[in-house]
Amino acid sequence: MKKIEETNQEQIIQKIAKCNEGKNLQYSILTMGCQLNENDSEKLSGMIEKMHYTKTEDLKKANLIVFNTCCVRENAEDRLFGKLGEVKKYKQEKGTIIAIGGCMMQEKHIVEKLKESYPFFDIVFGTHTLHKFPEDLYKLLQNRKQIEDILDIDGEVIEGLPIKRNDSVKASVTIMNGCNNFCSYCIVPYVRGRERSRKPKDIIEEIRQLAKQGYKEIMLLGQNVNSYLRVEKEKNIPFEEYQGIHSFATLLRAVNQIEQIQRIRFISPHPKDFTDDVIEAIRDCDKVCKLVHLPLQSGNSKVLKQMNRKYTKEQFLALVEKMKKEIPNLTLSTDIIVGFPGETPEEFEDTLDVVRKVNFEQVYMFIYSRRVGTPADKMENQIPEEEKHKRFDMLKQLVEMQIAKQNKEYVGTTQKVLIEGKSKTNEDLYTGRTDSNKVVVLEAEDSLIGQVVPVKIVSEHMWYLKGERK
């Protein structure tokens, strides 16, 4: 692992900053994808703002536009190409610099399509070269030649990157990069690389700094957080233990000891790696939220095997029962893919059966999307789009029925709500979230932002609850 000071990026940032002084240059970042992408965009913002650019949401005003891409679903590609068509005119009118980074740039066929159909871009960079963005930008400014900076091998974990947070109450902290699971539908291991864990000390120091800055909620991020430090132990790779941290469970316990932090969440774990020590840590740590994200993907054992998920329907349900028994007030969220290749109506019914039995608090539903380079893309018996949408609607109807029932159970209860800020739709109201991640709308004041306050739930709506301070 390297610190940014050990590379030449810090010096280059200063060079560009000096050149940009007094020019009133602006930038815009469009983030497409998961919370890991959002965290990467915060790091890009940190570097760019140190180079004396200020942020704008108006693409017309931007001198630098950065696309941070995702490749998990096909609609992300459509969105990128549509936006590139939109910004081409800004490039022609004022010479706007167009940079494209993120997961999608690790796919060779996408980069080739960019060169062929959108050759006006200036920089493409991958997931392993994000920290080199200042260097890429400097080369472009010096030579005005298109830059392609993509590594096909796993990059190093670079510490100390400047970061500009999008929120003043909640912050995400990446604890590991990459994935070793190779689910047959997923492109992530090919574009994010193998699992590499950050040093425990670096994670704890980052969270302590966030606590000093007034952040109250921490989201621990990784493709498979509950395998944190697993590779290092399996391969006897030395790592520096810090405060007794040698696993995800011990990391949770250590973060729980940081006084100013009030809530801890994490995403995404894998059911096959949900060991007893992690369950016990969630149970014992008062700051760890009792809403746990547990991706199901499918409720049918045969489909799960074809997905390479390494657990069965019965094992998933047994894990849920164990967790509910051990963790008081546990609620669960999940991910479900509808229409995986070869999934029969009867096999899809197993998914509905699991949803009925578990009664998830939140369900993130996705229609299966083919990804070039994954085993599932080559599978026969691809499900027709019409059938996928039909099944999706069935699942959606079931989930919304369950949520409506759950919401009614909140009415009359008192919940601890972290006030996050003003409502985006009503300036007179504020929004916050319960431990179970339910959005609550209520009357409050600015002084309560960042505070956890008791709130009585007075009414329910499909996607939020209405509350009153007690």
Protein backbone atom coordinates (compact mmCIF):
# COMPACT_ATOMS: atom_id res chain seq x y z
CA MET A 1 0.00 0.00 0.00
CA LYS A 2 1.17 3.49 -0.78
CA LYS A 3 0.33 6.94 0.51
CA ILE A 4 -0.47 9.53 -2.14
CA GLU A 5 2.61 11.45 -0.91
CA GLU A 6 4.76 8.51 -2.06
CA THR A 7 3.55 9.02 -5.66
CA ASN A 8 4.05 12.15 -7.72
CA GLN A 9 0.34 12.96 -7.72
CA GLU A 10 0.53 15.47 -4.85
CA GLN A 11 3.20 17.50 -6.66
CA ILE A 12 1.17 17.45 -9.87
CA ILE A 13 -1.95 18.62 -8.02
CA GLN A 14 0.04 21.64 -6.82
CA LYS A 15 1.32 22.38 -10.34
CA ILE A 16 -2.19 22.37 -11.83
CA ALA A 17 -3.53 24.41 -8.90
CA LYS A 18 -0.91 27.10 -9.53
CA CYS A 19 -1.82 27.25 -13.24
CA ASN A 20 -5.55 27.48 -12.40
CA GLU A 21 -5.31 30.29 -9.85
CA GLY A 22 -7.74 33.11 -10.60
CA LYS A 23 -9.32 31.39 -13.62
CA ASN A 24 -12.64 30.49 -11.93
CA LEU A 25 -12.70 27.00 -13.52
CA GLN A 26 -15.60 24.67 -12.72
CA TYR A 27 -16.11 20.91 -12.81
CA SER A 28 -18.98 18.45 -12.71
CA ILE A 29 -19.00 14.74 -11.85
CA LEU A 30 -21.77 12.37 -12.95
CA THR A 31 -21.70 9.23 -10.83
CA MET A 32 -23.32 6.10 -12.21
CA GLY A 33 -23.48 3.10 -9.92
CA CYS A 34 -23.10 1.84 -6.39
CA GLN A 35 -21.88 3.42 -3.16
CA LEU A 36 -18.32 2.37 -3.99
CA ASN A 37 -18.60 4.51 -7.12
CA GLU A 38 -19.96 7.37 -5.04
CA ASN A 39 -17.00 7.03 -2.66
CA ASP A 40 -14.62 7.08 -5.65
CA SER A 41 -16.33 10.24 -6.92
CA GLU A 42 -15.78 11.92 -3.55
CA LYS A 43 -12.06 11.16 -3.93
CA LEU A 44 -12.06 12.55 -7.47
CA SER A 45 -13.80 15.68 -6.18
CA GLY A 46 -11.17 16.00 -3.46
CA MET A 47 -8.33 15.89 -5.97
CA ILE A 48 -10.05 18.18 -8.48
CA GLU A 49 -10.93 20.85 -5.92
CA LYS A 50 -7.31 20.90 -4.73
CA MET A 51 -6.47 21.75 -8.35
CA HIS A 52 -8.60 24.94 -8.01
CA TYR A 53 -11.79 23.82 -9.74
CA THR A 54 -15.14 24.52 -8.07
CA LYS A 55 -18.10 22.21 -8.38
CA THR A 56 -21.17 22.96 -10.51
CA GLU A 57 -24.26 20.91 -11.25
CA ASP A 58 -24.73 22.78 -14.54
CA LEU A 59 -22.89 20.89 -17.28
CA LYS A 60 -22.97 23.95 -19.51
CA LYS A 61 -20.78 25.86 -17.07
CA ALA A 62 -18.25 23.08 -16.47
CA ASN A 63 -14.73 23.32 -17.83
CA LEU A 64 -14.15 19.71 -16.79
CA ILE A 65 -16.78 16.95 -16.88
CA VAL A 66 -16.01 13.56 -15.32
CA PHE A 67 -18.18 10.48 -15.84
CA ASN A 68 -17.65 7.83 -13.12
CA THR A 69 -19.22 4.77 -14.70
CA CYS A 70 -20.79 1.51 -13.58
CA CYS A 71 -21.09 -1.64 -15.66
CA VAL A 72 -23.35 -3.81 -13.51
CA ARG A 73 -26.40 -3.18 -15.70
CA GLU A 74 -26.99 -2.37 -19.34
CA ASN A 75 -28.92 0.84 -18.67
CA ALA A 76 -25.71 2.35 -17.24
CA GLU A 77 -24.15 2.05 -20.71
CA ASP A 78 -27.19 3.65 -22.33
CA ARG A 79 -27.04 6.51 -19.84
CA LEU A 80 -23.34 7.14 -20.46
CA PHE A 81 -23.65 7.18 -24.25
CA GLY A 82 -26.70 9.44 -24.02
CA LYS A 83 -24.86 11.90 -21.77
CA LEU A 84 -21.80 11.88 -24.03
CA GLY A 85 -24.02 12.89 -26.93
CA GLU A 86 -25.31 15.75 -24.78
CA VAL A 87 -21.90 17.12 -23.73
CA LYS A 88 -20.32 16.90 -27.19
CA LYS A 89 -21.67 20.38 -27.99
CA TYR A 90 -20.00 21.84 -24.87
CA LYS A 91 -16.72 20.35 -26.03
CA GLN A 92 -17.19 21.98 -29.43
CA GLU A 93 -18.32 25.35 -28.03
CA LYS A 94 -15.83 25.93 -25.20
CA GLY A 95 -13.30 23.11 -25.22
CA THR A 96 -14.73 21.36 -22.14
CA ILE A 97 -12.46 18.52 -20.98
CA ILE A 98 -14.31 15.18 -21.02
CA ALA A 99 -12.95 12.43 -18.73
CA ILE A 100 -14.51 8.98 -18.37
CA GLY A 101 -13.55 6.62 -15.57
CA GLY A 102 -14.84 3.81 -13.41
CA CYS A 103 -15.75 0.18 -13.89
CA MET A 104 -17.00 0.44 -17.46
CA MET A 105 -13.58 1.58 -18.63
CA GLN A 106 -12.13 -1.79 -17.58
CA GLU A 107 -14.20 -3.40 -20.37
CA LYS A 108 -12.20 -3.38 -23.61
CA HIS A 109 -15.25 -3.47 -25.87
CA ILE A 110 -16.62 -0.33 -24.21
CA VAL A 111 -13.37 1.58 -24.68
CA GLU A 112 -13.31 0.50 -28.32
CA LYS A 113 -16.87 1.75 -28.77
CA LEU A 114 -15.88 5.09 -27.25
CA LYS A 115 -12.98 5.43 -29.67
CA GLU A 116 -15.21 4.57 -32.60
CA SER A 117 -18.42 6.47 -31.77
CA TYR A 118 -17.38 9.14 -29.23
CA PRO A 119 -13.77 9.98 -30.16
CA PHE A 120 -14.01 13.49 -28.71
CA PHE A 121 -13.30 12.31 -25.14
CA ASP A 122 -10.01 13.47 -23.58
CA ILE A 123 -9.23 10.97 -20.81
CA VAL A 124 -10.29 7.43 -19.99
CA PHE A 125 -9.11 5.89 -16.71
CA GLY A 126 -9.94 2.67 -14.92
CA THR A 127 -10.68 1.56 -11.38
CA HIS A 128 -7.01 0.86 -10.63
CA THR A 129 -5.74 4.27 -11.82
CA LEU A 130 -8.19 6.65 -10.16
CA HIS A 131 -5.42 8.10 -7.96
CA LYS A 132 -3.49 9.05 -11.12
CA PHE A 133 -6.21 11.38 -12.40
CA PRO A 134 -4.11 14.52 -11.66
CA GLU A 135 -1.23 13.08 -13.71
CA ASP A 136 -3.56 12.22 -16.59
CA LEU A 137 -5.08 15.70 -16.51
CA TYR A 138 -1.63 17.33 -16.39
CA LYS A 139 -0.44 15.34 -19.44
CA LEU A 140 -3.57 16.37 -21.32
CA LEU A 141 -3.12 20.04 -20.47
CA GLN A 142 0.53 19.88 -21.53
CA ASN A 143 0.23 17.90 -24.75
CA ARG A 144 -3.47 18.09 -25.75
CA LYS A 145 -3.31 14.41 -26.68
CA GLN A 146 -5.98 11.87 -25.74
CA ILE A 147 -5.07 9.90 -22.59
CA GLU A 148 -5.87 6.23 -21.96
CA ASP A 149 -4.80 5.08 -18.49
CA ILE A 150 -6.16 1.62 -17.73
CA LEU A 151 -4.51 -1.30 -15.91
CA ASP A 152 -5.56 -4.91 -16.53
CA ILE A 153 -3.89 -6.01 -13.31
CA ASP A 154 -4.97 -5.22 -9.77
CA GLY A 155 -3.83 -1.79 -8.69
CA GLU A 156 -2.35 -0.90 -5.31
CA VAL A 157 -4.46 0.48 -2.49
CA ILE A 158 -3.53 4.16 -2.29
CA GLU A 159 -4.08 5.86 1.06
CA GLY A 160 -4.39 9.55 1.83
CA LEU A 161 -6.30 10.69 -1.24
CA PRO A 162 -8.01 14.04 -0.68
CA ILE A 163 -11.76 13.61 -0.44
CA LYS A 164 -14.71 16.00 -0.73
CA ARG A 165 -17.70 14.48 1.06
CA ASN A 166 -21.19 14.98 -0.33
CA ASP A 167 -22.76 14.82 3.13
CA SER A 168 -21.96 16.39 6.49
CA VAL A 169 -23.72 13.77 8.65
CA LYS A 170 -23.03 10.41 6.99
CA ALA A 171 -19.77 9.20 5.47
CA SER A 172 -18.75 6.05 3.62
CA VAL A 173 -15.41 4.36 4.26
CA THR A 174 -14.05 1.71 1.90
CA ILE A 175 -12.52 -1.18 3.84
CA MET A 176 -11.54 -3.38 0.88
CA ASN A 177 -11.39 -3.41 -2.90
CA GLY A 178 -12.25 -6.13 -5.39
CA CYS A 179 -14.10 -9.44 -5.19
CA ASN A 180 -13.17 -13.13 -5.36
CA ASN A 181 -16.66 -14.60 -5.63
CA PHE A 182 -17.23 -14.66 -9.42
CA CYS A 183 -21.02 -14.86 -9.37
CA SER A 184 -21.86 -15.92 -12.91
CA TYR A 185 -23.97 -12.82 -13.67
CA CYS A 186 -21.51 -10.27 -12.26
CA ILE A 187 -18.76 -8.33 -14.04
CA VAL A 188 -17.37 -6.75 -10.84
CA PRO A 189 -14.46 -9.19 -10.20
CA TYR A 190 -13.24 -8.55 -13.74
CA VAL A 191 -13.31 -4.75 -13.41
CA ARG A 192 -12.53 -4.22 -9.72
CA GLY A 193 -9.98 -7.02 -9.43
CA ARG A 194 -9.23 -9.45 -6.61
CA GLU A 195 -9.93 -8.77 -2.95
CA ARG A 196 -7.45 -6.40 -1.31
CA SER A 197 -8.11 -5.27 2.26
CA ARG A 198 -7.04 -1.93 3.68
CA LYS A 199 -4.89 -1.91 6.78
CA PRO A 200 -6.95 -1.84 10.01
CA LYS A 201 -5.02 1.20 11.29
CA ASP A 202 -5.75 3.22 8.12
CA ILE A 203 -9.49 2.48 8.40
CA ILE A 204 -9.71 3.37 12.10
CA GLU A 205 -7.71 6.57 11.64
CA GLU A 206 -9.97 7.66 8.78
CA ILE A 207 -13.09 7.05 10.89
CA ARG A 208 -11.58 8.86 13.89
CA GLN A 209 -10.90 11.86 11.67
CA LEU A 210 -14.50 11.77 10.40
CA ALA A 211 -15.72 11.65 13.99
CA LYS A 212 -13.66 14.76 14.81
CA GLN A 213 -15.26 16.49 11.81
CA GLY A 214 -18.72 15.81 13.25
CA TYR A 215 -19.86 12.82 11.19
CA LYS A 216 -22.36 10.63 13.05
CA GLU A 217 -22.96 7.66 10.75
CA ILE A 218 -20.35 5.50 9.04
CA MET A 219 -21.05 3.14 6.15
CA LEU A 220 -18.35 0.49 5.74
CA LEU A 221 -18.00 -0.38 2.05
CA GLY A 222 -16.73 -3.37 0.08
CA GLN A 223 -17.92 -5.86 -2.50
CA ASN A 224 -17.90 -8.51 0.22
CA VAL A 225 -17.25 -6.81 3.56
CA ASN A 226 -17.54 -9.90 5.73
CA SER A 227 -14.49 -11.43 4.01
CA TYR A 228 -12.34 -8.50 5.19
CA LEU A 229 -8.73 -9.73 5.71
CA ARG A 230 -9.73 -13.27 4.68
CA VAL A 231 -7.35 -13.44 1.70
CA GLU A 232 -4.48 -12.14 3.79
CA LYS A 233 -5.03 -14.88 6.37
CA GLU A 234 -5.60 -17.66 3.82
CA LYS A 235 -2.44 -16.80 1.87
CA ASN A 236 -0.36 -15.95 4.96
CA ILE A 237 0.12 -12.40 3.72
CA PRO A 238 1.44 -10.37 6.69
CA PHE A 239 -0.80 -7.54 7.87
CA GLU A 240 -0.37 -5.17 10.76
CA GLU A 241 -2.97 -5.95 13.43
CA TYR A 242 -4.32 -2.85 15.13
CA GLN A 243 -6.55 -2.68 18.21
CA GLY A 244 -7.10 -6.42 17.90
CA ILE A 245 -8.58 -6.15 14.38
CA HIS A 246 -8.05 -9.34 12.38
CA SER A 247 -11.50 -9.87 10.81
CA PHE A 248 -14.69 -8.05 9.90
CA ALA A 249 -16.24 -8.89 13.27
CA THR A 250 -13.32 -7.38 15.18
CA LEU A 251 -13.38 -4.32 12.88
CA LEU A 252 -17.05 -3.73 13.77
CA ARG A 253 -16.20 -3.92 17.46
CA ALA A 254 -13.32 -1.46 17.08
CA VAL A 255 -15.41 1.10 15.17
CA ASN A 256 -18.12 0.72 17.79
CA GLN A 257 -15.62 2.06 20.37
CA ILE A 258 -15.15 5.42 18.58
CA GLU A 259 -17.12 7.75 20.84
CA GLN A 260 -18.50 10.43 18.52
CA ILE A 261 -19.83 7.93 15.96
CA GLN A 262 -23.46 7.07 16.66
CA ARG A 263 -24.38 4.67 13.87
CA ILE A 264 -22.53 2.03 11.86
CA ARG A 265 -23.83 0.38 8.70
CA PHE A 266 -22.12 -1.86 6.15
CA ILE A 267 -22.64 -3.07 2.62
CA SER A 268 -22.44 -5.58 1.02
CA PRO A 269 -21.92 -8.83 2.89
CA HIS A 270 -22.26 -12.28 1.34
CA PRO A 271 -24.52 -14.88 2.99
CA LYS A 272 -21.91 -17.64 2.61
CA ASP A 273 -19.44 -15.64 4.72
CA PHE A 274 -21.86 -14.60 7.48
CA THR A 275 -20.00 -16.28 10.32
CA ASP A 276 -21.13 -16.50 13.93
CA ASP A 277 -18.59 -13.93 15.11
CA VAL A 278 -20.08 -11.31 12.75
CA ILE A 279 -23.61 -12.09 13.97
CA GLU A 280 -22.42 -11.76 17.57
CA ALA A 281 -20.67 -8.45 16.82
CA ILE A 282 -23.88 -7.01 15.32
CA ARG A 283 -25.78 -8.22 18.39
CA ASP A 284 -23.28 -6.83 20.90
CA CYS A 285 -22.38 -3.50 19.29
CA ASP A 286 -24.97 -0.89 20.22
CA LYS A 287 -24.01 1.44 17.35
CA VAL A 288 -24.25 -1.18 14.60
CA CYS A 289 -27.66 -0.76 12.97
CA LYS A 290 -29.89 -3.78 13.23
CA LEU A 291 -30.94 -3.49 9.60
CA VAL A 292 -28.64 -5.94 7.81
CA HIS A 293 -28.35 -6.16 4.04
CA LEU A 294 -28.39 -9.85 3.07
CA PRO A 295 -28.39 -10.32 -0.73
CA LEU A 296 -30.59 -13.23 -1.76
CA GLN A 297 -30.47 -12.85 -5.61
CA SER A 298 -32.71 -15.92 -6.06
CA GLY A 299 -34.80 -18.12 -3.79
CA ASN A 300 -34.27 -21.29 -5.85
CA SER A 301 -31.33 -23.58 -5.05
CA LYS A 302 -30.78 -24.65 -8.67
CA VAL A 303 -30.68 -21.04 -9.88
CA LEU A 304 -28.39 -20.10 -6.98
CA LYS A 305 -25.99 -22.85 -8.06
CA GLN A 306 -26.01 -21.55 -11.63
CA MET A 307 -25.36 -18.08 -10.21
CA ASN A 308 -22.37 -19.54 -8.30
CA ARG A 309 -23.70 -18.13 -5.04
CA LYS A 310 -22.47 -21.05 -2.85
CA TYR A 311 -25.60 -21.43 -0.72
CA THR A 312 -29.06 -23.00 -1.09
CA LYS A 313 -32.53 -21.68 -0.37
CA GLU A 314 -32.60 -23.75 2.80
CA GLN A 315 -29.21 -22.46 3.98
CA PHE A 316 -30.28 -18.86 3.40
CA LEU A 317 -33.48 -19.32 5.40
CA ALA A 318 -31.56 -21.09 8.18
CA LEU A 319 -29.12 -18.15 8.34
CA VAL A 320 -32.02 -15.72 8.59
CA GLU A 321 -33.54 -17.71 11.46
CA LYS A 322 -30.20 -17.84 13.28
CA MET A 323 -29.72 -14.09 12.88
CA LYS A 324 -33.25 -13.29 14.03
CA LYS A 325 -32.75 -15.50 17.08
CA GLU A 326 -29.43 -13.91 18.02
CA ILE A 327 -30.09 -10.23 17.16
CA PRO A 328 -33.08 -8.54 18.84
CA ASN A 329 -35.12 -6.23 16.57
CA LEU A 330 -33.28 -7.43 13.45
CA THR A 331 -34.62 -6.25 10.11
CA LEU A 332 -33.28 -7.30 6.73
CA SER A 333 -32.89 -5.82 3.27
CA THR A 334 -31.89 -7.74 0.17
CA ASP A 335 -31.09 -7.78 -3.56
CA ILE A 336 -33.06 -9.94 -5.99
CA ILE A 337 -32.40 -10.63 -9.66
CA VAL A 338 -35.45 -11.52 -11.75
CA GLY A 339 -35.21 -13.51 -14.98
CA PHE A 340 -31.80 -15.18 -14.66
CA PRO A 341 -31.10 -17.45 -17.68
CA GLY A 342 -33.06 -20.67 -17.49
CA GLU A 343 -35.18 -19.60 -14.50
CA THR A 344 -38.55 -21.32 -14.80
CA PRO A 345 -41.83 -19.92 -13.44
CA GLU A 346 -41.70 -22.56 -10.71
CA GLU A 347 -38.16 -21.55 -9.74
CA PHE A 348 -39.19 -17.91 -9.63
CA GLU A 349 -42.00 -18.92 -7.28
CA ASP A 350 -39.29 -20.05 -4.83
CA THR A 351 -38.02 -16.48 -4.77
CA LEU A 352 -41.50 -15.22 -3.93
CA ASP A 353 -41.69 -17.89 -1.23
CA VAL A 354 -38.49 -16.65 0.44
CA VAL A 355 -39.71 -13.05 0.29
CA ARG A 356 -42.96 -14.06 1.98
CA LYS A 357 -41.13 -15.99 4.71
CA VAL A 358 -38.39 -13.45 5.49
CA ASN A 359 -40.53 -10.32 5.19
CA PHE A 360 -37.67 -8.03 4.15
CA GLU A 361 -37.73 -4.39 5.24
CA GLN A 362 -36.35 -3.28 1.86
CA VAL A 363 -35.91 -5.15 -1.43
CA TYR A 364 -33.72 -3.89 -4.26
CA MET A 365 -35.15 -5.58 -7.35
CA PHE A 366 -33.31 -5.92 -10.65
CA ILE A 367 -34.21 -7.41 -13.99
CA TYR A 368 -31.35 -9.65 -15.14
CA SER A 369 -29.07 -7.79 -17.53
CA ARG A 370 -26.54 -9.60 -19.72
CA ARG A 371 -22.93 -8.55 -19.13
CA VAL A 372 -20.33 -9.30 -21.81
CA GLY A 373 -17.52 -11.37 -20.31
CA THR A 374 -19.60 -13.17 -17.66
CA PRO A 375 -20.53 -16.88 -17.77
CA ALA A 376 -24.27 -16.06 -17.60
CA ASP A 377 -24.03 -14.07 -20.82
CA LYS A 378 -23.16 -17.30 -22.66
CA MET A 379 -25.90 -19.38 -21.05
CA GLU A 380 -28.73 -20.72 -23.16
CA ASN A 381 -32.40 -20.23 -22.30
CA GLN A 382 -32.19 -16.45 -21.86
CA ILE A 383 -35.57 -15.29 -20.56
CA PRO A 384 -37.62 -13.08 -22.94
CA GLU A 385 -37.83 -9.44 -21.82
CA GLU A 386 -41.62 -9.56 -21.62
CA GLU A 387 -41.48 -12.51 -19.20
CA LYS A 388 -38.79 -10.82 -17.08
CA HIS A 389 -40.96 -7.72 -16.70
CA LYS A 390 -43.99 -9.85 -15.86
CA ARG A 391 -42.10 -11.56 -13.03
CA PHE A 392 -40.63 -8.26 -11.87
CA ASP A 393 -44.15 -6.82 -11.53
CA MET A 394 -45.23 -9.86 -9.49
CA LEU A 395 -42.29 -9.41 -7.12
CA LYS A 396 -42.85 -5.66 -6.90
CA GLN A 397 -46.51 -6.17 -6.00
CA LEU A 398 -45.60 -8.61 -3.21
CA VAL A 399 -42.85 -6.38 -1.82
CA GLU A 400 -45.01 -3.25 -1.81
CA MET A 401 -47.78 -5.15 -0.05
CA GLN A 402 -45.32 -6.22 2.66
CA ILE A 403 -43.87 -2.72 3.03
CA ALA A 404 -47.34 -1.20 3.38
CA LYS A 405 -48.10 -3.67 6.17
CA GLN A 406 -44.75 -3.03 7.90
CA ASN A 407 -45.22 0.73 7.72
CA LYS A 408 -48.53 0.48 9.58
CA GLU A 409 -46.71 -1.25 12.41
CA TYR A 410 -44.45 1.79 12.85
CA VAL A 411 -47.39 4.14 13.48
CA GLY A 412 -47.64 4.99 17.18
CA THR A 413 -44.12 3.80 17.97
CA THR A 414 -41.20 5.99 19.03
CA GLN A 415 -38.11 5.68 16.84
CA LYS A 416 -34.59 7.03 17.22
CA VAL A 417 -34.13 9.15 14.10
CA LEU A 418 -30.85 10.62 12.83
CA ILE A 419 -31.77 14.04 11.39
CA GLU A 420 -29.95 14.36 8.05
CA GLY A 421 -31.13 17.75 6.76
CA LYS A 422 -33.93 19.60 5.07
CA SER A 423 -36.41 17.76 2.88
CA LYS A 424 -35.61 18.04 -0.83
CA THR A 425 -39.29 18.44 -1.64
CA ASN A 426 -40.47 20.70 1.22
CA GLU A 427 -38.28 23.46 2.68
CA ASP A 428 -40.39 23.54 5.86
CA LEU A 429 -39.67 19.90 6.73
CA TYR A 430 -36.63 17.82 7.63
CA THR A 431 -35.74 14.22 6.87
CA GLY A 432 -34.01 11.56 8.89
CA ARG A 433 -33.69 7.80 9.11
CA THR A 434 -34.49 5.17 11.68
CA ASP A 435 -32.07 2.43 12.68
CA SER A 436 -33.95 0.27 10.14
CA ASN A 437 -33.23 2.87 7.42
CA LYS A 438 -36.82 4.06 7.08
CA VAL A 439 -37.07 7.66 5.86
CA VAL A 440 -38.90 9.90 8.34
CA VAL A 441 -40.22 13.37 7.49
CA LEU A 442 -40.82 15.79 10.38
CA GLU A 443 -40.71 19.36 11.60
CA ALA A 444 -37.34 20.22 13.16
CA GLU A 445 -34.64 22.90 13.05
CA ASP A 446 -31.10 23.25 11.74
CA SER A 447 -29.59 22.73 15.19
CA LEU A 448 -30.86 19.13 15.18
CA ILE A 449 -29.05 18.15 11.95
CA GLY A 450 -26.64 15.36 12.85
CA GLN A 451 -28.48 14.53 16.08
CA VAL A 452 -30.33 11.32 16.94
CA VAL A 453 -33.68 12.33 18.43
CA PRO A 454 -36.76 10.39 19.62
CA VAL A 455 -39.59 10.74 17.11
CA LYS A 456 -43.15 9.47 17.36
CA ILE A 457 -44.40 8.05 14.05
CA VAL A 458 -47.83 9.52 13.35
CA SER A 459 -48.60 8.33 9.82
CA GLU A 460 -47.22 6.07 7.11
CA HIS A 461 -46.75 6.41 3.37
CA MET A 462 -45.28 3.89 0.94
CA TRP A 463 -41.73 5.28 0.85
CA TYR A 464 -41.55 7.36 4.03
CA LEU A 465 -43.03 7.80 7.50
CA LYS A 466 -44.32 11.05 9.03
CA GLY A 467 -43.11 11.81 12.52
CA GLU A 468 -43.32 14.30 15.39
CA ARG A 469 -40.55 15.07 17.86
CA LYS A 470 -41.27 13.87 21.38
